[in-house]
N, C-alpha and C. Protein backbone atom coordinates (compact mmCIF):
# COMPACT_ATOMS: atom_id res chain seq x y z
N MET A 1 -57.35 3.08 -23.76
CA MET A 1 -56.18 2.92 -22.92
C MET A 1 -55.11 2.20 -23.71
N SER A 2 -53.85 2.69 -23.62
CA SER A 2 -52.76 2.07 -24.39
C SER A 2 -52.11 0.94 -23.60
N GLN A 3 -51.68 -0.04 -24.33
CA GLN A 3 -51.01 -1.16 -23.68
C GLN A 3 -49.52 -0.86 -23.57
N CYS A 4 -48.89 -1.31 -22.52
CA CYS A 4 -47.44 -1.16 -22.35
C CYS A 4 -46.76 -2.27 -23.13
N LYS A 5 -45.67 -1.88 -23.81
CA LYS A 5 -44.89 -2.87 -24.55
C LYS A 5 -43.99 -3.62 -23.57
N PRO A 6 -43.63 -4.87 -23.89
CA PRO A 6 -42.66 -5.58 -23.06
C PRO A 6 -41.32 -4.85 -23.07
N TRP A 7 -40.51 -5.06 -22.04
CA TRP A 7 -39.26 -4.31 -21.90
C TRP A 7 -38.31 -4.56 -23.04
N TRP A 8 -38.30 -5.75 -23.63
CA TRP A 8 -37.35 -6.05 -24.70
C TRP A 8 -37.71 -5.38 -26.02
N LYS A 9 -38.89 -4.79 -26.08
CA LYS A 9 -39.28 -4.06 -27.29
C LYS A 9 -39.05 -2.55 -27.15
N GLU A 10 -38.59 -2.13 -26.01
CA GLU A 10 -38.27 -0.72 -25.78
C GLU A 10 -36.80 -0.47 -26.12
N PRO A 11 -36.45 0.70 -26.65
CA PRO A 11 -35.05 0.95 -27.03
C PRO A 11 -34.14 1.27 -25.82
N TRP A 12 -34.66 1.83 -24.73
CA TRP A 12 -33.83 2.28 -23.62
C TRP A 12 -33.10 1.16 -22.89
N PRO A 13 -33.72 0.04 -22.60
CA PRO A 13 -32.94 -1.01 -21.94
C PRO A 13 -31.77 -1.49 -22.80
N TRP A 14 -31.95 -1.59 -24.10
CA TRP A 14 -30.88 -2.04 -24.99
C TRP A 14 -29.76 -1.00 -25.06
N LEU A 15 -30.12 0.25 -25.01
CA LEU A 15 -29.11 1.31 -25.00
C LEU A 15 -28.30 1.25 -23.71
N LEU A 16 -28.96 1.01 -22.60
CA LEU A 16 -28.25 0.93 -21.31
C LEU A 16 -27.43 -0.34 -21.19
N ILE A 17 -27.86 -1.42 -21.78
CA ILE A 17 -27.14 -2.69 -21.72
C ILE A 17 -25.94 -2.68 -22.67
N SER A 18 -26.02 -1.92 -23.76
CA SER A 18 -24.97 -1.97 -24.79
C SER A 18 -23.60 -1.49 -24.28
N GLY A 19 -23.54 -0.49 -23.41
CA GLY A 19 -22.26 0.02 -22.91
C GLY A 19 -21.48 -1.02 -22.13
N PRO A 20 -22.06 -1.58 -21.07
CA PRO A 20 -21.34 -2.63 -20.33
C PRO A 20 -21.06 -3.87 -21.18
N ALA A 21 -21.96 -4.21 -22.09
CA ALA A 21 -21.72 -5.39 -22.94
C ALA A 21 -20.52 -5.16 -23.85
N MET A 22 -20.38 -3.95 -24.41
CA MET A 22 -19.22 -3.65 -25.26
C MET A 22 -17.94 -3.63 -24.44
N ALA A 23 -18.00 -3.15 -23.20
CA ALA A 23 -16.81 -3.15 -22.34
C ALA A 23 -16.37 -4.57 -22.03
N MET A 24 -17.32 -5.47 -21.79
CA MET A 24 -16.98 -6.86 -21.52
C MET A 24 -16.37 -7.53 -22.75
N MET A 25 -16.88 -7.23 -23.95
CA MET A 25 -16.30 -7.79 -25.17
C MET A 25 -14.88 -7.25 -25.40
N GLY A 26 -14.68 -5.95 -25.14
CA GLY A 26 -13.35 -5.38 -25.28
C GLY A 26 -12.37 -5.99 -24.29
N CYS A 27 -12.81 -6.27 -23.09
CA CYS A 27 -11.97 -6.91 -22.09
C CYS A 27 -11.60 -8.32 -22.53
N ALA A 28 -12.55 -9.05 -23.07
CA ALA A 28 -12.27 -10.41 -23.54
C ALA A 28 -11.27 -10.39 -24.69
N VAL A 29 -11.41 -9.45 -25.60
CA VAL A 29 -10.46 -9.34 -26.73
C VAL A 29 -9.07 -8.97 -26.21
N THR A 30 -8.99 -8.06 -25.26
CA THR A 30 -7.71 -7.66 -24.69
C THR A 30 -7.02 -8.82 -24.00
N ILE A 31 -7.76 -9.61 -23.24
CA ILE A 31 -7.19 -10.78 -22.58
C ILE A 31 -6.71 -11.78 -23.61
N TRP A 32 -7.48 -12.00 -24.66
CA TRP A 32 -7.09 -12.96 -25.70
C TRP A 32 -5.80 -12.51 -26.39
N VAL A 33 -5.71 -11.22 -26.74
CA VAL A 33 -4.51 -10.70 -27.41
C VAL A 33 -3.31 -10.83 -26.48
N ALA A 34 -3.47 -10.53 -25.19
CA ALA A 34 -2.36 -10.62 -24.24
C ALA A 34 -1.89 -12.06 -24.09
N MET A 35 -2.80 -13.01 -24.13
CA MET A 35 -2.42 -14.42 -23.98
C MET A 35 -1.76 -14.96 -25.25
N GLN A 36 -2.15 -14.49 -26.41
CA GLN A 36 -1.62 -14.99 -27.68
C GLN A 36 -0.25 -14.40 -28.02
N HIS A 37 -0.02 -13.17 -27.65
CA HIS A 37 1.21 -12.46 -28.02
C HIS A 37 2.00 -12.14 -26.77
N GLY A 38 3.04 -12.94 -26.49
CA GLY A 38 3.86 -12.72 -25.31
C GLY A 38 4.76 -11.51 -25.47
N ASP A 39 5.23 -11.01 -24.34
CA ASP A 39 6.15 -9.87 -24.37
C ASP A 39 7.49 -10.30 -24.90
N ARG A 40 8.06 -9.49 -25.76
CA ARG A 40 9.39 -9.76 -26.29
C ARG A 40 10.39 -8.88 -25.54
N PRO A 41 11.62 -9.38 -25.36
CA PRO A 41 12.62 -8.54 -24.68
C PRO A 41 12.95 -7.29 -25.50
N ILE A 42 13.23 -6.20 -24.81
CA ILE A 42 13.56 -4.96 -25.49
C ILE A 42 14.92 -5.10 -26.18
N ILE A 43 15.92 -5.52 -25.43
CA ILE A 43 17.28 -5.72 -25.93
C ILE A 43 17.79 -7.01 -25.32
N ASP A 44 18.59 -7.76 -26.08
CA ASP A 44 19.19 -8.97 -25.51
C ASP A 44 20.08 -8.60 -24.35
N GLY A 45 20.02 -9.36 -23.28
CA GLY A 45 20.85 -9.11 -22.11
C GLY A 45 20.23 -8.15 -21.12
N VAL A 46 18.97 -7.78 -21.31
CA VAL A 46 18.29 -6.86 -20.40
C VAL A 46 17.22 -7.64 -19.66
N VAL A 47 17.13 -7.41 -18.36
CA VAL A 47 16.18 -8.11 -17.51
C VAL A 47 15.21 -7.08 -16.94
N ARG A 48 13.92 -7.42 -16.93
CA ARG A 48 12.93 -6.53 -16.33
C ARG A 48 12.41 -7.18 -15.06
N GLN A 49 12.54 -6.46 -13.95
CA GLN A 49 12.04 -6.92 -12.67
C GLN A 49 11.07 -5.86 -12.16
N GLY A 50 9.78 -6.12 -12.31
CA GLY A 50 8.77 -5.13 -11.93
C GLY A 50 8.86 -3.95 -12.87
N LEU A 51 9.02 -2.76 -12.32
CA LEU A 51 9.12 -1.56 -13.15
C LEU A 51 10.56 -1.21 -13.51
N MET A 52 11.54 -1.93 -12.92
CA MET A 52 12.94 -1.62 -13.15
C MET A 52 13.49 -2.49 -14.28
N ILE A 53 14.19 -1.86 -15.22
CA ILE A 53 14.84 -2.56 -16.32
C ILE A 53 16.34 -2.39 -16.13
N ARG A 54 17.08 -3.50 -16.09
CA ARG A 54 18.52 -3.41 -15.87
C ARG A 54 19.24 -4.44 -16.72
N GLN A 55 20.55 -4.29 -16.81
CA GLN A 55 21.37 -5.25 -17.55
C GLN A 55 21.39 -6.57 -16.81
N ALA A 56 21.47 -7.66 -17.55
CA ALA A 56 21.56 -8.98 -16.93
C ALA A 56 22.91 -9.12 -16.24
N ALA A 57 22.99 -9.95 -15.22
CA ALA A 57 24.22 -10.12 -14.44
C ALA A 57 25.31 -10.78 -15.26
N THR A 58 24.97 -11.54 -16.29
CA THR A 58 25.98 -12.24 -17.08
C THR A 58 26.76 -11.28 -17.96
N ALA A 59 26.15 -10.22 -18.41
CA ALA A 59 26.83 -9.25 -19.27
C ALA A 59 27.12 -8.00 -18.45
N ALA A 60 28.33 -7.94 -17.87
CA ALA A 60 28.71 -6.79 -17.05
C ALA A 60 29.10 -5.63 -17.96
N ALA A 61 28.33 -4.57 -17.92
CA ALA A 61 28.59 -3.41 -18.77
C ALA A 61 29.55 -2.46 -18.03
N PRO A 62 30.50 -1.84 -18.74
CA PRO A 62 31.39 -0.88 -18.08
C PRO A 62 30.62 0.38 -17.68
N ALA A 63 31.12 1.05 -16.64
CA ALA A 63 30.48 2.27 -16.19
C ALA A 63 30.65 3.35 -17.24
N PRO A 64 29.66 4.21 -17.42
CA PRO A 64 29.79 5.29 -18.39
C PRO A 64 30.92 6.24 -18.01
N HIS A 65 31.55 6.86 -18.99
CA HIS A 65 32.68 7.76 -18.78
C HIS A 65 32.24 8.99 -17.99
N GLY A 66 33.04 9.36 -16.99
CA GLY A 66 32.78 10.58 -16.24
C GLY A 66 31.89 10.38 -15.03
N THR A 67 31.58 9.14 -14.66
CA THR A 67 30.74 8.93 -13.48
C THR A 67 31.59 8.97 -12.23
N ARG A 68 31.03 9.39 -11.13
CA ARG A 68 31.73 9.45 -9.85
C ARG A 68 31.40 8.17 -9.08
N ASP A 69 32.30 7.20 -9.16
CA ASP A 69 32.12 5.92 -8.50
C ASP A 69 33.20 5.78 -7.44
N ALA A 70 32.85 5.35 -6.22
CA ALA A 70 33.82 5.23 -5.13
C ALA A 70 34.88 4.18 -5.46
N GLY A 71 34.54 3.15 -6.20
CA GLY A 71 35.50 2.12 -6.54
C GLY A 71 36.40 2.51 -7.70
N ASN A 72 36.05 3.54 -8.43
CA ASN A 72 36.81 3.98 -9.59
C ASN A 72 37.65 5.19 -9.19
N THR A 73 38.94 4.97 -8.84
CA THR A 73 39.79 6.06 -8.34
C THR A 73 40.18 7.01 -9.45
N GLU A 74 40.28 6.51 -10.68
CA GLU A 74 40.67 7.38 -11.80
C GLU A 74 39.59 8.44 -12.05
N ALA A 75 38.33 8.04 -12.02
CA ALA A 75 37.24 9.00 -12.25
C ALA A 75 37.11 9.94 -11.07
N ALA A 76 37.39 9.48 -9.84
CA ALA A 76 37.24 10.32 -8.66
C ALA A 76 38.37 11.34 -8.58
N ALA A 77 39.55 11.04 -9.15
CA ALA A 77 40.69 11.95 -9.06
C ALA A 77 40.52 13.14 -10.00
N ARG A 78 39.76 13.00 -11.07
CA ARG A 78 39.57 14.11 -12.02
C ARG A 78 38.63 15.16 -11.45
N PRO A 79 38.91 16.45 -11.76
CA PRO A 79 38.03 17.52 -11.26
C PRO A 79 36.70 17.55 -11.97
């Protein structure tokens, strides 16, 4: 009659444990990198609020040429 080996001497438990263990190590590395390297602004004067990126209120940018703005009578008068 053959004796059963202890579980730690079998290859299958280690194979099954290795996937989640590698995912946890990758998560730890990702968190460490995110904490060490802060986000840099894309362009000076640009503010990001959630998913929206817009110009900062201090630097008022002129409206692009040819836009239809109700406050801009010159652009609205052109065909």
